């Protein structure tokens, strides 16, 4: 799966989870600052990512590093490919 495909799928997930338009979500979007996510939103997004991308539970240390959509794309690319 390419980073572009991962980003596209993440846009869909984030738009659904946070009730946003997909075009509001960029690689540089910060979950808290730009997308207005709180801790509950982020937990739900992580669960959706784990299900969508068929991942084992994402470690808390890894989660702490995922501040932007681009961070998630890089992380998912490393786990999927």
PDB file of N, CA and C in Angstrom:
ATOM      1  N   UNK A   1       0.854  -1.181   0.000  1.00  0.00           N
ATOM      2  CA  UNK A   1       0.000   0.000   0.000  1.00  0.00           C
ATOM      3  C   UNK A   1       0.900   1.246   0.000  1.00  0.00           C
ATOM      4  N   UNK A   2       0.643   2.162  -0.904  1.00  0.00           N
ATOM      5  CA  UNK A   2       1.486   3.355  -0.998  1.00  0.00           C
ATOM      6  C   UNK A   2       1.120   4.370   0.086  1.00  0.00           C
ATOM      7  N   UNK A   3       2.039   5.293   0.393  1.00  0.00           N
ATOM      8  CA  UNK A   3       1.700   6.352   1.349  1.00  0.00           C
ATOM      9  C   UNK A   3       0.474   7.157   0.907  1.00  0.00           C
ATOM     10  N   UNK A   4       0.314   7.341  -0.398  1.00  0.00           N
ATOM     11  CA  UNK A   4      -0.850   8.088  -0.904  1.00  0.00           C
ATOM     12  C   UNK A   4      -2.151   7.341  -0.608  1.00  0.00           C
ATOM     13  N   UNK A   5      -2.117   6.016  -0.772  1.00  0.00           N
ATOM     14  CA  UNK A   5      -3.309   5.207  -0.480  1.00  0.00           C
ATOM     15  C   UNK A   5      -3.619   5.222   1.012  1.00  0.00           C
ATOM     16  N   UNK A   6      -2.567   5.149   1.820  1.00  0.00           N
ATOM     17  CA  UNK A   6      -2.747   5.208   3.273  1.00  0.00           C
ATOM     18  C   UNK A   6      -3.344   6.554   3.665  1.00  0.00           C
ATOM     19  N   UNK A   7      -2.801   7.643   3.093  1.00  0.00           N
ATOM     20  CA  UNK A   7      -3.311   8.977   3.409  1.00  0.00           C
ATOM     21  C   UNK A   7      -4.784   9.098   3.024  1.00  0.00           C
ATOM     22  N   UNK A   8      -5.136   8.611   1.860  1.00  0.00           N
ATOM     23  CA  UNK A   8      -6.521   8.680   1.396  1.00  0.00           C
ATOM     24  C   UNK A   8      -7.456   7.941   2.354  1.00  0.00           C
ATOM     25  N   UNK A   9      -7.059   6.754   2.774  1.00  0.00           N
ATOM     26  CA  UNK A   9      -7.875   5.969   3.705  1.00  0.00           C
ATOM     27  C   UNK A   9      -7.944   6.665   5.065  1.00  0.00           C
ATOM     28  N   UNK A  10      -6.826   7.235   5.510  1.00  0.00           N
ATOM     29  CA  UNK A  10      -6.819   7.972   6.782  1.00  0.00           C
ATOM     30  C   UNK A  10      -7.732   9.187   6.718  1.00  0.00           C
ATOM     31  N   UNK A  11      -7.710   9.891   5.579  1.00  0.00           N
ATOM     32  CA  UNK A  11      -8.614  11.039   5.412  1.00  0.00           C
ATOM     33  C   UNK A  11     -10.058  10.613   5.632  1.00  0.00           C
ATOM     34  N   UNK A  12     -10.433   9.479   5.038  1.00  0.00           N
ATOM     35  CA  UNK A  12     -11.802   8.974   5.204  1.00  0.00           C
ATOM     36  C   UNK A  12     -12.099   8.679   6.670  1.00  0.00           C
ATOM     37  N   UNK A  13     -11.173   7.972   7.330  1.00  0.00           N
ATOM     38  CA  UNK A  13     -11.379   7.620   8.738  1.00  0.00           C
ATOM     39  C   UNK A  13     -11.493   8.854   9.619  1.00  0.00           C
ATOM     40  N   UNK A  14     -10.581   9.804   9.429  1.00  0.00           N
ATOM     41  CA  UNK A  14     -10.562  11.012  10.257  1.00  0.00           C
ATOM     42  C   UNK A  14     -11.822  11.838  10.004  1.00  0.00           C
ATOM     43  N   UNK A  15     -12.201  11.985   8.743  1.00  0.00           N
ATOM     44  CA  UNK A  15     -13.405  12.752   8.415  1.00  0.00           C
ATOM     45  C   UNK A  15     -14.629  12.139   9.101  1.00  0.00           C
ATOM     46  N   UNK A  16     -14.700  10.821   9.074  1.00  0.00           N
ATOM     47  CA  UNK A  16     -15.827  10.126   9.707  1.00  0.00           C
ATOM     48  C   UNK A  16     -15.784  10.272  11.221  1.00  0.00           C
ATOM     49  N   UNK A  17     -14.609  10.056  11.821  1.00  0.00           N
ATOM     50  CA  UNK A  17     -14.467  10.101  13.282  1.00  0.00           C
ATOM     51  C   UNK A  17     -14.679  11.503  13.849  1.00  0.00           C
ATOM     52  N   UNK A  18     -14.174  12.527  13.141  1.00  0.00           N
ATOM     53  CA  UNK A  18     -14.192  13.889  13.675  1.00  0.00           C
ATOM     54  C   UNK A  18     -15.266  14.766  13.034  1.00  0.00           C
ATOM     55  N   UNK A  19     -16.102  14.178  12.166  1.00  0.00           N
ATOM     56  CA  UNK A  19     -17.165  14.915  11.474  1.00  0.00           C
ATOM     57  C   UNK A  19     -16.616  16.130  10.721  1.00  0.00           C
ATOM     58  N   UNK A  20     -15.607  15.878   9.866  1.00  0.00           N
ATOM     59  CA  UNK A  20     -14.980  16.920   9.055  1.00  0.00           C
ATOM     60  C   UNK A  20     -15.105  16.559   7.581  1.00  0.00           C
ATOM     61  N   UNK A  21     -14.866  17.538   6.712  1.00  0.00           N
ATOM     62  CA  UNK A  21     -14.745  17.257   5.289  1.00  0.00           C
ATOM     63  C   UNK A  21     -13.341  16.744   5.024  1.00  0.00           C
ATOM     64  N   UNK A  22     -13.229  15.765   4.118  1.00  0.00           N
ATOM     65  CA  UNK A  22     -11.909  15.191   3.820  1.00  0.00           C
ATOM     66  C   UNK A  22     -10.918  16.243   3.346  1.00  0.00           C
ATOM     67  N   UNK A  23     -11.410  17.258   2.612  1.00  0.00           N
ATOM     68  CA  UNK A  23     -10.480  18.264   2.076  1.00  0.00           C
ATOM     69  C   UNK A  23      -9.905  19.188   3.146  1.00  0.00           C
ATOM     70  N   UNK A  24     -10.422  19.113   4.378  1.00  0.00           N
ATOM     71  CA  UNK A  24      -9.863  19.881   5.492  1.00  0.00           C
ATOM     72  C   UNK A  24      -8.638  19.192   6.082  1.00  0.00           C
ATOM     73  N   UNK A  25      -8.416  17.936   5.718  1.00  0.00           N
ATOM     74  CA  UNK A  25      -7.383  17.109   6.334  1.00  0.00           C
ATOM     75  C   UNK A  25      -6.181  17.008   5.397  1.00  0.00           C
ATOM     76  N   UNK A  26      -5.028  17.494   5.877  1.00  0.00           N
ATOM     77  CA  UNK A  26      -3.793  17.438   5.092  1.00  0.00           C
ATOM     78  C   UNK A  26      -2.750  16.633   5.848  1.00  0.00           C
ATOM     79  N   UNK A  27      -1.642  16.353   5.174  1.00  0.00           N
ATOM     80  CA  UNK A  27      -0.549  15.630   5.834  1.00  0.00           C
ATOM     81  C   UNK A  27      -0.028  16.408   7.045  1.00  0.00           C
ATOM     82  N   UNK A  28      -0.088  17.723   6.981  1.00  0.00           N
ATOM     83  CA  UNK A  28       0.428  18.550   8.066  1.00  0.00           C
ATOM     84  C   UNK A  28      -0.571  18.846   9.167  1.00  0.00           C
ATOM     85  N   UNK A  29      -1.800  18.358   9.032  1.00  0.00           N
ATOM     86  CA  UNK A  29      -2.823  18.634  10.040  1.00  0.00           C
ATOM     87  C   UNK A  29      -2.459  18.011  11.381  1.00  0.00           C
ATOM     88  N   UNK A  30      -2.452  18.859  12.412  1.00  0.00           N
ATOM     89  CA  UNK A  30      -2.254  18.383  13.781  1.00  0.00           C
ATOM     90  C   UNK A  30      -3.598  17.903  14.307  1.00  0.00           C
ATOM     91  N   UNK A  31      -3.605  16.740  14.946  1.00  0.00           N
ATOM     92  CA  UNK A  31      -4.874  16.209  15.439  1.00  0.00           C
ATOM     93  C   UNK A  31      -5.536  17.139  16.442  1.00  0.00           C
ATOM     94  N   UNK A  32      -4.753  17.691  17.367  1.00  0.00           N
ATOM     95  CA  UNK A  32      -5.344  18.541  18.395  1.00  0.00           C
ATOM     96  C   UNK A  32      -5.490  19.991  17.943  1.00  0.00           C
ATOM     97  N   UNK A  33      -4.446  20.556  17.344  1.00  0.00           N
ATOM     98  CA  UNK A  33      -4.473  21.980  16.997  1.00  0.00           C
ATOM     99  C   UNK A  33      -5.351  22.277  15.781  1.00  0.00           C
ATOM    100  N   UNK A  34      -5.244  21.470  14.727  1.00  0.00           N
ATOM    101  CA  UNK A  34      -5.962  21.765  13.484  1.00  0.00           C
ATOM    102  C   UNK A  34      -7.304  21.047  13.370  1.00  0.00           C
ATOM    103  N   UNK A  35      -7.389  19.846  13.911  1.00  0.00           N
ATOM    104  CA  UNK A  35      -8.601  19.045  13.728  1.00  0.00           C
ATOM    105  C   UNK A  35      -9.487  19.015  14.973  1.00  0.00           C
ATOM    106  N   UNK A  36      -9.017  19.617  16.059  1.00  0.00           N
ATOM    107  CA  UNK A  36      -9.842  19.756  17.265  1.00  0.00           C
ATOM    108  C   UNK A  36     -10.110  18.447  17.995  1.00  0.00           C
ATOM    109  N   UNK A  37      -9.221  17.478  17.864  1.00  0.00           N
ATOM    110  CA  UNK A  37      -9.433  16.178  18.505  1.00  0.00           C
ATOM    111  C   UNK A  37      -9.119  16.242  19.999  1.00  0.00           C
ATOM    112  N   UNK A  38      -9.936  15.544  20.766  1.00  0.00           N
ATOM    113  CA  UNK A  38      -9.619  15.379  22.182  1.00  0.00           C
ATOM    114  C   UNK A  38      -9.173  13.932  22.392  1.00  0.00           C
ATOM    115  N   UNK A  39      -8.894  13.566  23.632  1.00  0.00           N
ATOM    116  CA  UNK A  39      -8.334  12.235  23.889  1.00  0.00           C
ATOM    117  C   UNK A  39      -9.294  11.116  23.494  1.00  0.00           C
ATOM    118  N   UNK A  40     -10.588  11.323  23.674  1.00  0.00           N
ATOM    119  CA  UNK A  40     -11.567  10.306  23.283  1.00  0.00           C
ATOM    120  C   UNK A  40     -11.571  10.138  21.761  1.00  0.00           C
ATOM    121  N   UNK A  41     -11.535  11.250  21.036  1.00  0.00           N
ATOM    122  CA  UNK A  41     -11.474  11.191  19.570  1.00  0.00           C
ATOM    123  C   UNK A  41     -10.260  10.385  19.116  1.00  0.00           C
ATOM    124  N   UNK A  42      -9.128  10.641  19.754  1.00  0.00           N
ATOM    125  CA  UNK A  42      -7.888   9.980  19.350  1.00  0.00           C
ATOM    126  C   UNK A  42      -7.927   8.480  19.635  1.00  0.00           C
ATOM    127  N   UNK A  43      -8.509   8.092  20.765  1.00  0.00           N
ATOM    128  CA  UNK A  43      -8.643   6.667  21.086  1.00  0.00           C
ATOM    129  C   UNK A  43      -9.521   5.984  20.042  1.00  0.00           C
ATOM    130  N   UNK A  44     -10.634   6.621  19.688  1.00  0.00           N
ATOM    131  CA  UNK A  44     -11.526   6.045  18.679  1.00  0.00           C
ATOM    132  C   UNK A  44     -10.847   5.956  17.320  1.00  0.00           C
ATOM    133  N   UNK A  45     -10.053   6.963  16.979  1.00  0.00           N
ATOM    134  CA  UNK A  45      -9.334   6.941  15.709  1.00  0.00           C
ATOM    135  C   UNK A  45      -8.307   5.811  15.687  1.00  0.00           C
ATOM    136  N   UNK A  46      -7.587   5.644  16.775  1.00  0.00           N
ATOM    137  CA  UNK A  46      -6.589   4.576  16.845  1.00  0.00           C
ATOM    138  C   UNK A  46      -7.259   3.213  16.681  1.00  0.00           C
ATOM    139  N   UNK A  47      -8.398   3.014  17.334  1.00  0.00           N
ATOM    140  CA  UNK A  47      -9.108   1.741  17.195  1.00  0.00           C
ATOM    141  C   UNK A  47      -9.562   1.537  15.750  1.00  0.00           C
ATOM    142  N   UNK A  48     -10.028   2.589  15.109  1.00  0.00           N
ATOM    143  CA  UNK A  48     -10.443   2.497  13.704  1.00  0.00           C
ATOM    144  C   UNK A  48      -9.245   2.189  12.808  1.00  0.00           C
ATOM    145  N   UNK A  49      -8.090   2.800  13.091  1.00  0.00           N
ATOM    146  CA  UNK A  49      -6.876   2.539  12.306  1.00  0.00           C
ATOM    147  C   UNK A  49      -6.434   1.086  12.467  1.00  0.00           C
ATOM    148  N   UNK A  50      -6.460   0.599  13.697  1.00  0.00           N
ATOM    149  CA  UNK A  50      -6.051  -0.783  13.941  1.00  0.00           C
ATOM    150  C   UNK A  50      -6.943  -1.753  13.166  1.00  0.00           C
ATOM    151  N   UNK A  51      -8.228  -1.473  13.154  1.00  0.00           N
ATOM    152  CA  UNK A  51      -9.166  -2.332  12.429  1.00  0.00           C
ATOM    153  C   UNK A  51      -8.992  -2.204  10.912  1.00  0.00           C
ATOM    154  N   UNK A  52      -8.955  -0.973  10.412  1.00  0.00           N
ATOM    155  CA  UNK A  52      -8.874  -0.724   8.970  1.00  0.00           C
ATOM    156  C   UNK A  52      -7.597  -1.289   8.362  1.00  0.00           C
ATOM    157  N   UNK A  53      -6.485  -1.114   9.062  1.00  0.00           N
ATOM    158  CA  UNK A  53      -5.196  -1.530   8.526  1.00  0.00           C
ATOM    159  C   UNK A  53      -4.729  -2.879   9.088  1.00  0.00           C
ATOM    160  N   UNK A  54      -5.635  -3.555   9.830  1.00  0.00           N
ATOM    161  CA  UNK A  54      -5.371  -4.888  10.371  1.00  0.00           C
ATOM    162  C   UNK A  54      -4.062  -4.942  11.154  1.00  0.00           C
ATOM    163  N   UNK A  55      -3.950  -4.018  12.111  1.00  0.00           N
ATOM    164  CA  UNK A  55      -2.750  -3.925  12.944  1.00  0.00           C
ATOM    165  C   UNK A  55      -3.012  -4.532  14.315  1.00  0.00           C
ATOM    166  N   UNK A  56      -1.925  -4.984  14.951  1.00  0.00           N
ATOM    167  CA  UNK A  56      -2.012  -5.322  16.362  1.00  0.00           C
ATOM    168  C   UNK A  56      -2.166  -3.994  17.113  1.00  0.00           C
ATOM    169  N   UNK A  57      -2.419  -4.089  18.401  1.00  0.00           N
ATOM    170  CA  UNK A  57      -2.591  -2.871  19.190  1.00  0.00           C
ATOM    171  C   UNK A  57      -1.367  -1.968  19.055  1.00  0.00           C
ATOM    172  N   UNK A  58      -1.608  -0.690  18.797  1.00  0.00           N
ATOM    173  CA  UNK A  58      -0.527   0.278  18.650  1.00  0.00           C
ATOM    174  C   UNK A  58      -0.017   0.639  20.048  1.00  0.00           C
ATOM    175  N   UNK A  59       1.294   0.540  20.234  1.00  0.00           N
ATOM    176  CA  UNK A  59       1.913   0.799  21.530  1.00  0.00           C
ATOM    177  C   UNK A  59       1.741   2.264  21.949  1.00  0.00           C
ATOM    178  N   UNK A  60       1.607   2.492  23.251  1.00  0.00           N
ATOM    179  CA  UNK A  60       1.447   3.861  23.756  1.00  0.00           C
ATOM    180  C   UNK A  60       2.634   4.744  23.407  1.00  0.00           C
ATOM    181  N   UNK A  61       3.847   4.188  23.442  1.00  0.00           N
ATOM    182  CA  UNK A  61       5.037   4.963  23.084  1.00  0.00           C
ATOM    183  C   UNK A  61       4.946   5.442  21.639  1.00  0.00           C
ATOM    184  N   UNK A  62       4.439   4.568  20.753  1.00  0.00           N
ATOM    185  CA  UNK A  62       4.274   4.948  19.355  1.00  0.00           C
ATOM    186  C   UNK A  62       3.195   6.022  19.214  1.00  0.00           C
ATOM    187  N   UNK A  63       2.110   5.856  19.951  1.00  0.00           N
ATOM    188  CA  UNK A  63       1.004   6.822  19.869  1.00  0.00           C
ATOM    189  C   UNK A  63       1.460   8.224  20.251  1.00  0.00           C
ATOM    190  N   UNK A  64       2.327   8.321  21.227  1.00  0.00           N
ATOM    191  CA  UNK A  64       2.795   9.630  21.691  1.00  0.00           C
ATOM    192  C   UNK A  64       3.517  10.388  20.585  1.00  0.00           C
ATOM    193  N   UNK A  65       4.067   9.667  19.610  1.00  0.00           N
ATOM    194  CA  UNK A  65       4.801  10.297  18.509  1.00  0.00           C
ATOM    195  C   UNK A  65       3.894  10.742  17.360  1.00  0.00           C
ATOM    196  N   UNK A  66       2.642  10.322  17.376  1.00  0.00           N
ATOM    197  CA  UNK A  66       1.739  10.590  16.259  1.00  0.00           C
ATOM    198  C   UNK A  66       0.955  11.882  16.509  1.00  0.00           C
ATOM    199  N   UNK A  67       1.551  12.988  16.104  1.00  0.00           N
ATOM    200  CA  UNK A  67       0.948  14.308  16.343  1.00  0.00           C
ATOM    201  C   UNK A  67       0.187  14.836  15.134  1.00  0.00           C
ATOM    202  N   UNK A  68       0.627  14.429  13.931  1.00  0.00           N
ATOM    203  CA  UNK A  68      -0.013  14.925  12.703  1.00  0.00           C
ATOM    204  C   UNK A  68      -0.477  13.747  11.844  1.00  0.00           C
ATOM    205  N   UNK A  69      -1.282  14.059  10.858  1.00  0.00           N
ATOM    206  CA  UNK A  69      -1.739  13.039   9.914  1.00  0.00           C
ATOM    207  C   UNK A  69      -0.532  12.424   9.202  1.00  0.00           C
ATOM    208  N   UNK A  70       0.449  13.254   8.836  1.00  0.00           N
ATOM    209  CA  UNK A  70       1.656  12.759   8.192  1.00  0.00           C
ATOM    210  C   UNK A  70       2.424  11.770   9.067  1.00  0.00           C
ATOM    211  N   UNK A  71       2.458  12.030  10.379  1.00  0.00           N
ATOM    212  CA  UNK A  71       3.103  11.092  11.302  1.00  0.00           C
ATOM    213  C   UNK A  71       2.430   9.721  11.229  1.00  0.00           C
ATOM    214  N   UNK A  72       1.109   9.729  11.156  1.00  0.00           N
ATOM    215  CA  UNK A  72       0.355   8.473  11.079  1.00  0.00           C
ATOM    216  C   UNK A  72       0.623   7.753   9.762  1.00  0.00           C
ATOM    217  N   UNK A  73       0.700   8.511   8.676  1.00  0.00           N
ATOM    218  CA  UNK A  73       0.970   7.896   7.378  1.00  0.00           C
ATOM    219  C   UNK A  73       2.332   7.202   7.401  1.00  0.00           C
ATOM    220  N   UNK A  74       3.348   7.890   7.935  1.00  0.00           N
ATOM    221  CA  UNK A  74       4.686   7.294   8.022  1.00  0.00           C
ATOM    222  C   UNK A  74       4.674   6.045   8.905  1.00  0.00           C
ATOM    223  N   UNK A  75       4.010   6.157  10.042  1.00  0.00           N
ATOM    224  CA  UNK A  75       3.930   5.025  10.970  1.00  0.00           C
ATOM    225  C   UNK A  75       3.244   3.833  10.308  1.00  0.00           C
ATOM    226  N   UNK A  76       2.091   4.089   9.688  1.00  0.00           N
ATOM    227  CA  UNK A  76       1.347   3.003   9.043  1.00  0.00           C
ATOM    228  C   UNK A  76       2.128   2.391   7.891  1.00  0.00           C
ATOM    229  N   UNK A  77       2.825   3.232   7.132  1.00  0.00           N
ATOM    230  CA  UNK A  77       3.655   2.719   6.032  1.00  0.00           C
ATOM    231  C   UNK A  77       4.701   1.741   6.541  1.00  0.00           C
ATOM    232  N   UNK A  78       5.299   2.074   7.679  1.00  0.00           N
ATOM    233  CA  UNK A  78       6.340   1.206   8.231  1.00  0.00           C
ATOM    234  C   UNK A  78       5.755  -0.100   8.767  1.00  0.00           C
ATOM    235  N   UNK A  79       4.523  -0.080   9.227  1.00  0.00           N
ATOM    236  CA  UNK A  79       3.900  -1.277   9.787  1.00  0.00           C
ATOM    237  C   UNK A  79       3.275  -2.175   8.722  1.00  0.00           C
ATOM    238  N   UNK A  80       2.769  -1.569   7.664  1.00  0.00           N
ATOM    239  CA  UNK A  80       2.048  -2.327   6.636  1.00  0.00           C
ATOM    240  C   UNK A  80       3.003  -2.932   5.614  1.00  0.00           C
ATOM    241  N   UNK A  81       3.986  -2.146   5.195  1.00  0.00           N
ATOM    242  CA  UNK A  81       4.834  -2.581   4.071  1.00  0.00           C
ATOM    243  C   UNK A  81       6.053  -3.365   4.486  1.00  0.00           C
TER     244      UNK A  81
END
